[in-house]
C-alpha cells in the first residue's frame, strides 16, 4: 500500500516518525511536505490539499495529514472533492472512520495524541476495511451533497 503524508511545522516531527514507522511495516510512503519544522514551514492548506488530491486521483492508496490539532489539515483536505478525511484521536474513531465512512485520508494532531497512540491510530486505520452494507448508501448520499455544492473547476 502506498501512503502520502503531509504536515505543517507542528506536525513535521510526527510525519517523519510515521514515515519511519510505516516503512518499517512495509508500506511505501510519499512525503509531500513540510520539509522543516521551522515557522513558516509549508503552508498546511496546500500540503493537505496535495495529499488529498494524490489520494483521490489514485496516485496513492491513502493519505495522512498532520498539524498541531489535526483540525486545520482535516478541514483543508476535505475541500478536495472525493476526499473523506477523518480527524481521529483514538482507536475507536480510527476504526469507525474506515468501517462506516470509508475515510481515505487520516488527520492527526501532534499536540493531541502521543507518539505511541498516534502509531496505533495509524495502524488501526490502515488495517480496517470498509464494512459496506448500509454504509454504501450513506456514503453515496455524502457524495451527492458534495456534488451539489462542488464549484466548477477552473
Protein backbone atom coordinates (compact mmCIF):
# COMPACT_ATOMS: atom_id res chain seq x y z
CA UNK A 1 0.00 0.00 0.00
CA UNK A 2 1.23 3.47 -0.91
CA UNK A 3 0.57 6.32 1.53
CA UNK A 4 1.03 10.08 1.05
CA UNK A 5 1.91 12.11 4.13
CA UNK A 6 1.85 15.86 4.67
CA UNK A 7 2.22 18.19 7.63
CA UNK A 8 2.81 21.72 8.75
CA UNK A 9 5.68 22.77 11.02
CA UNK A 10 3.86 21.45 14.11
CA UNK A 11 3.30 18.05 12.51
CA UNK A 12 6.72 17.74 10.85
CA UNK A 13 8.31 15.57 13.57
CA UNK A 14 5.27 13.25 13.68
CA UNK A 15 5.32 12.96 9.89
CA UNK A 16 8.96 11.89 9.97
CA UNK A 17 8.24 9.44 12.83
CA UNK A 18 5.27 7.96 10.95
CA UNK A 19 7.26 7.59 7.72
CA UNK A 20 9.84 5.53 9.64
CA UNK A 21 7.07 3.54 11.35
CA UNK A 22 5.19 2.86 8.11
CA UNK A 23 8.23 1.95 6.01
CA UNK A 24 9.23 -0.43 8.81
CA UNK A 25 5.83 -2.10 8.40
CA UNK A 26 6.38 -2.45 4.64
CA UNK A 27 4.31 0.48 3.41
CA UNK A 28 5.57 2.80 0.66
CA UNK A 29 5.47 6.45 1.72
CA UNK A 30 5.31 9.64 -0.34
CA UNK A 31 6.38 12.75 1.58
CA UNK A 32 4.51 15.83 0.32
CA UNK A 33 5.89 18.29 2.91
CA UNK A 34 6.62 20.20 5.04
CA UNK A 35 10.36 19.97 4.64
CA UNK A 36 11.13 21.50 8.05
CA UNK A 37 9.74 22.14 11.49
CA UNK A 38 10.62 25.82 11.27
CA UNK A 39 7.96 28.52 11.04
CA UNK A 40 6.88 29.26 8.43
CA UNK A 41 7.05 25.76 7.01
CA UNK A 42 5.00 24.71 4.01
CA UNK A 43 1.51 26.06 4.49
CA UNK A 44 -0.68 23.18 5.70
CA UNK A 45 -3.57 24.18 3.46
CA UNK A 46 -1.70 23.36 0.27
CA UNK A 47 0.08 20.34 1.75
CA UNK A 48 -3.24 18.88 2.91
CA UNK A 49 -4.79 19.51 -0.48
CA UNK A 50 -1.82 17.82 -2.19
CA UNK A 51 -2.22 14.72 -0.03
CA UNK A 52 -5.99 14.61 -0.63
CA UNK A 53 -5.58 15.15 -4.38
CA UNK A 54 -2.99 12.37 -4.67
CA UNK A 55 -5.36 10.06 -2.80
CA UNK A 56 -8.46 10.94 -4.82
CA UNK A 57 -6.55 10.62 -8.12
CA UNK A 58 -5.37 7.16 -7.10
CA UNK A 59 -1.68 8.04 -7.10
CA UNK A 60 -1.60 6.68 -3.54
CA UNK A 61 -3.95 4.37 -1.69
CA UNK A 62 -4.44 6.57 1.36
CA UNK A 63 -3.27 9.86 2.84
CA UNK A 64 -2.25 11.12 6.27
CA UNK A 65 -2.15 14.81 7.21
CA UNK A 66 -0.80 16.24 10.46
CA UNK A 67 -0.82 19.60 12.23
CA UNK A 68 -0.86 20.59 15.89
CA UNK A 69 -4.54 19.72 16.45
CA UNK A 70 -5.43 17.96 13.20
CA UNK A 71 -8.33 20.35 12.74
CA UNK A 72 -6.84 22.67 10.12
CA UNK A 73 -5.43 19.86 7.97
CA UNK A 74 -8.72 17.95 8.08
CA UNK A 75 -10.72 20.99 7.02
CA UNK A 76 -8.32 21.71 4.15
CA UNK A 77 -8.18 18.09 2.96
CA UNK A 78 -11.97 17.83 2.94
CA UNK A 79 -12.21 20.71 0.46
CA UNK A 80 -10.87 18.36 -2.23
CA UNK A 81 -13.82 16.65 -3.94
CA UNK A 82 -13.70 12.93 -3.23
CA UNK A 83 -11.59 13.26 -0.09
CA UNK A 84 -13.07 11.79 3.04
CA UNK A 85 -10.69 13.00 5.72
CA UNK A 86 -11.33 11.91 9.29
CA UNK A 87 -9.72 13.52 12.33
CA UNK A 88 -9.02 10.64 14.71
CA UNK A 89 -7.55 10.95 18.18
CA UNK A 90 -8.37 7.46 19.44
CA UNK A 91 -8.61 3.88 18.18
CA UNK A 92 -12.42 3.79 18.12
CA UNK A 93 -12.76 6.77 15.76
CA UNK A 94 -9.91 5.43 13.61
CA UNK A 95 -11.74 2.12 13.19
CA UNK A 96 -15.17 3.67 12.66
CA UNK A 97 -13.87 6.19 10.11
CA UNK A 98 -12.86 3.26 7.92
CA UNK A 99 -15.66 0.78 8.70
CA UNK A 100 -18.54 3.23 8.32
CA UNK A 101 -17.23 6.21 6.37
CA UNK A 102 -14.52 4.65 4.20
CA UNK A 103 -12.20 7.55 5.07
CA UNK A 104 -9.34 7.79 2.60
CA UNK A 105 -7.36 10.48 4.44
CA UNK A 106 -6.49 10.44 8.15
CA UNK A 107 -5.85 13.64 10.11
CA UNK A 108 -3.81 13.62 13.30
CA UNK A 109 -2.95 16.24 15.90
CA UNK A 110 0.68 16.09 17.02
CA UNK A 111 -0.21 18.08 20.14
CA UNK A 112 -3.18 15.84 20.92
CA UNK A 113 -2.10 12.19 20.63
CA UNK A 114 1.21 10.91 21.98
CA UNK A 115 3.57 9.13 19.58
CA UNK A 116 2.62 5.63 20.75
CA UNK A 117 -1.08 6.34 20.39
CA UNK A 118 -0.55 8.01 17.02
CA UNK A 119 1.19 4.88 15.73
CA UNK A 120 -1.67 2.69 16.95
CA UNK A 121 -4.26 5.02 15.40
CA UNK A 122 -2.44 4.81 12.07
CA UNK A 123 -2.08 1.01 12.32
CA UNK A 124 -5.77 0.59 13.17
CA UNK A 125 -6.86 2.97 10.41
CA UNK A 126 -4.75 1.23 7.76
CA UNK A 127 -5.77 -2.28 8.80
CA UNK A 128 -9.52 -1.62 8.99
CA UNK A 129 -11.66 -2.33 5.94
CA UNK A 130 -14.88 -0.62 4.89
CA UNK A 131 -17.93 -2.58 6.10
CA UNK A 132 -20.07 -1.84 3.05
CA UNK A 133 -23.72 -2.77 3.51
CA UNK A 134 -25.92 0.05 4.74
CA UNK A 135 -22.94 2.40 4.78
CA UNK A 136 -22.68 2.35 0.98
CA UNK A 137 -25.93 4.31 0.67
CA UNK A 138 -24.86 6.73 3.38
CA UNK A 139 -21.54 7.43 1.70
CA UNK A 140 -23.31 7.81 -1.65
CA UNK A 141 -25.51 10.48 -0.09
CA UNK A 142 -22.47 12.32 1.23
CA UNK A 143 -21.02 12.25 -2.30
CA UNK A 144 -24.31 13.66 -3.62
CA UNK A 145 -24.09 16.56 -1.17
CA UNK A 146 -20.50 17.16 -2.26
CA UNK A 147 -21.53 17.14 -5.92
CA UNK A 148 -24.36 19.58 -5.25
CA UNK A 149 -22.00 22.15 -3.75
CA UNK A 150 -18.93 21.48 -5.88
CA UNK A 151 -17.75 24.54 -7.73
CA UNK A 152 -16.82 24.30 -11.36
CA UNK A 153 -13.12 23.72 -11.72
CA UNK A 154 -11.02 26.40 -13.29
